Amino acid sequence: MTLTWTSKKFSDLTLPELYALLQLRTEVFIVEQNCPFQDIDGQDQAAYHLLGYAPQGQLAAYARLFDAGQCYEQVSIGRVVVAPAFRRFGLGRELMRQALAHCEQLFGAQPIKIGAQQYLTEFYQSFGFEQRGEMYLEDDIPHIYMLRP
């Protein structure tokens, strides 16, 4: 499945785009993972929003991209998510390839730091990320910091 990709500053998002990305994040990070937390965290305004649209126009994949100094000292990627209806097509890998490419395009070639759910360690390692530090709990979900030098 081929998606159409775009990245936009918060102020450039349309209301339907904002609604779709918030709906997707709620569907997966709050409802599916049964994890009540404050998803709207005041960081969306500083992020670029990477949106992957299916041919029919649905938001199939999404991530937030931050320049160095906004979230961490390094460039960072967060809220990495593929819509449940679009899983099993390899879109998680395509989303990460796009996120890395967009980060380099937007911010230049720099190290990238993520706070990854621990069960996805091998997935992120396949993109050159290395574990940094010990496991920590974020909203009762095991996470680890990872860095792509």
Protein backbone atom coordinates (compact mmCIF):
# COMPACT_ATOMS: atom_id res chain seq x y z
CA MET A 1 0.00 0.00 0.00
CA THR A 2 1.39 3.38 -0.98
CA LEU A 3 0.66 6.35 1.26
CA THR A 4 0.86 10.04 0.45
CA TRP A 5 3.11 11.77 2.99
CA THR A 6 3.20 15.34 4.19
CA SER A 7 4.65 17.12 7.20
CA LYS A 8 3.17 20.32 8.52
CA LYS A 9 3.71 22.77 11.32
CA PHE A 10 0.86 22.90 13.82
CA SER A 11 -0.28 26.29 12.51
CA ASP A 12 -0.54 24.87 8.97
CA LEU A 13 -2.79 21.93 9.89
CA THR A 14 -6.39 22.17 8.72
CA LEU A 15 -9.13 21.48 11.24
CA PRO A 16 -9.97 18.11 9.58
CA GLU A 17 -6.27 17.12 9.73
CA LEU A 18 -6.02 18.09 13.40
CA TYR A 19 -9.24 16.21 14.20
CA ALA A 20 -8.00 13.08 12.35
CA LEU A 21 -4.61 12.98 14.08
CA LEU A 22 -6.10 13.55 17.53
CA GLN A 23 -8.73 10.88 16.83
CA LEU A 24 -6.04 8.39 15.76
CA ARG A 25 -3.84 9.10 18.77
CA THR A 26 -6.83 8.70 21.12
CA GLU A 27 -7.94 5.49 19.41
CA VAL A 28 -4.55 3.83 19.83
CA PHE A 29 -2.72 5.40 22.76
CA ILE A 30 -5.70 5.82 25.09
CA VAL A 31 -8.43 3.36 24.07
CA GLU A 32 -6.52 0.45 22.50
CA GLN A 33 -3.68 0.55 25.01
CA ASN A 34 -6.15 1.15 27.85
CA CYS A 35 -3.98 3.99 29.11
CA PRO A 36 -5.74 7.13 30.29
CA PHE A 37 -3.20 9.94 29.96
CA GLN A 38 -3.07 13.54 28.80
CA ASP A 39 -2.30 13.09 25.10
CA ILE A 40 -2.81 16.78 24.35
CA ASP A 41 0.34 17.77 26.19
CA GLY A 42 1.15 21.28 25.00
CA GLN A 43 3.88 20.04 22.66
CA ASP A 44 1.86 19.79 19.46
CA GLN A 45 2.38 23.47 18.74
CA ALA A 46 6.19 23.02 18.58
CA ALA A 47 6.08 19.86 16.45
CA TYR A 48 5.94 19.09 12.79
CA HIS A 49 3.18 16.59 12.17
CA LEU A 50 3.96 13.78 9.73
CA LEU A 51 0.77 12.52 8.12
CA GLY A 52 0.49 9.43 5.90
CA TYR A 53 -2.74 9.18 3.92
CA ALA A 54 -4.16 6.07 2.30
CA PRO A 55 -5.37 6.33 -1.32
CA GLN A 56 -8.97 6.68 -0.05
CA GLY A 57 -7.96 9.72 2.01
CA GLN A 58 -7.92 8.20 5.52
CA LEU A 59 -5.11 9.04 7.93
CA ALA A 60 -3.24 5.72 8.10
CA ALA A 61 0.02 6.70 9.86
CA TYR A 62 1.28 9.59 11.96
CA ALA A 63 4.24 10.85 13.98
CA ARG A 64 5.40 14.07 15.67
CA LEU A 65 8.80 15.48 14.75
CA PHE A 66 10.72 17.89 16.99
CA ASP A 67 13.81 19.98 16.35
CA ALA A 68 16.69 19.74 18.82
CA GLY A 69 15.97 21.51 22.09
CA GLN A 70 12.18 21.25 21.89
CA CYS A 71 11.61 17.86 23.51
CA TYR A 72 15.13 16.64 24.12
CA GLU A 73 18.58 18.06 23.49
CA GLN A 74 18.47 16.10 20.20
CA VAL A 75 15.98 16.00 17.35
CA SER A 76 13.17 13.63 18.32
CA ILE A 77 10.29 11.58 16.98
CA GLY A 78 7.21 10.74 19.00
CA ARG A 79 3.59 9.58 18.91
CA VAL A 80 4.51 7.04 16.23
CA VAL A 81 1.29 5.29 15.25
CA VAL A 82 -0.33 3.28 12.47
CA ALA A 83 -4.13 3.11 12.40
CA PRO A 84 -5.44 -0.36 13.33
CA ALA A 85 -7.21 -0.74 9.96
CA PHE A 86 -3.90 -0.24 8.15
CA ARG A 87 -1.67 -2.59 10.10
CA ARG A 88 -0.08 -5.68 8.52
CA PHE A 89 0.98 -3.71 5.41
CA GLY A 90 4.47 -2.80 6.68
CA LEU A 91 3.41 0.79 7.29
CA GLY A 92 5.23 1.00 10.62
CA ARG A 93 8.52 0.59 8.76
CA GLU A 94 7.47 3.04 6.07
CA LEU A 95 6.39 5.52 8.76
CA MET A 96 9.81 5.34 10.41
CA ARG A 97 11.62 5.69 7.06
CA GLN A 98 9.51 8.76 6.33
CA ALA A 99 10.00 10.19 9.83
CA LEU A 100 13.78 9.86 9.58
CA ALA A 101 13.83 11.36 6.08
CA HIS A 102 11.58 14.27 7.11
CA CYS A 103 13.71 14.94 10.20
CA GLU A 104 16.82 15.16 8.05
CA GLN A 105 15.02 17.37 5.52
CA LEU A 106 13.63 19.69 8.21
CA PHE A 107 16.48 19.76 10.73
CA GLY A 108 19.56 18.45 8.94
CA ALA A 109 21.54 15.29 9.70
CA GLN A 110 21.61 15.10 13.50
CA PRO A 111 21.29 12.48 16.24
CA ILE A 112 17.68 11.55 17.01
CA LYS A 113 16.36 10.57 20.45
CA ILE A 114 13.14 8.72 21.17
CA GLY A 115 11.31 7.46 24.24
CA ALA A 116 10.23 4.06 22.90
CA GLN A 117 7.85 1.51 24.32
CA GLN A 118 10.21 -1.21 25.47
CA TYR A 119 8.58 -4.02 23.47
CA LEU A 120 9.52 -2.13 20.27
CA THR A 121 13.27 -2.06 21.04
CA GLU A 122 14.23 -4.42 18.18
CA PHE A 123 12.02 -2.54 15.72
CA TYR A 124 13.80 0.74 16.47
CA GLN A 125 17.21 -0.94 16.54
CA SER A 126 16.58 -1.97 12.93
CA PHE A 127 16.66 1.78 12.11
CA GLY A 128 19.97 2.35 13.90
CA PHE A 129 18.64 3.37 17.32
CA GLU A 130 20.61 2.24 20.36
CA GLN A 131 19.28 1.84 23.88
CA ARG A 132 20.36 4.57 26.28
CA GLY A 133 19.67 4.03 29.96
CA GLU A 134 17.38 1.75 31.88
CA MET A 135 13.70 1.02 31.51
CA TYR A 136 11.33 3.62 32.94
CA LEU A 137 7.58 3.69 33.33
CA GLU A 138 5.57 6.27 31.45
CA ASP A 139 1.85 6.04 32.14
CA ASP A 140 2.49 2.52 33.53
CA ILE A 141 3.99 1.36 30.21
CA PRO A 142 7.67 0.26 30.13
CA HIS A 143 9.75 2.62 27.98
CA ILE A 144 13.42 3.11 27.15
CA TYR A 145 15.32 6.04 25.74
CA MET A 146 16.97 5.29 22.43
CA LEU A 147 19.40 7.34 20.35
CA ARG A 148 20.25 7.18 16.68
CA PRO A 149 23.71 8.73 16.49
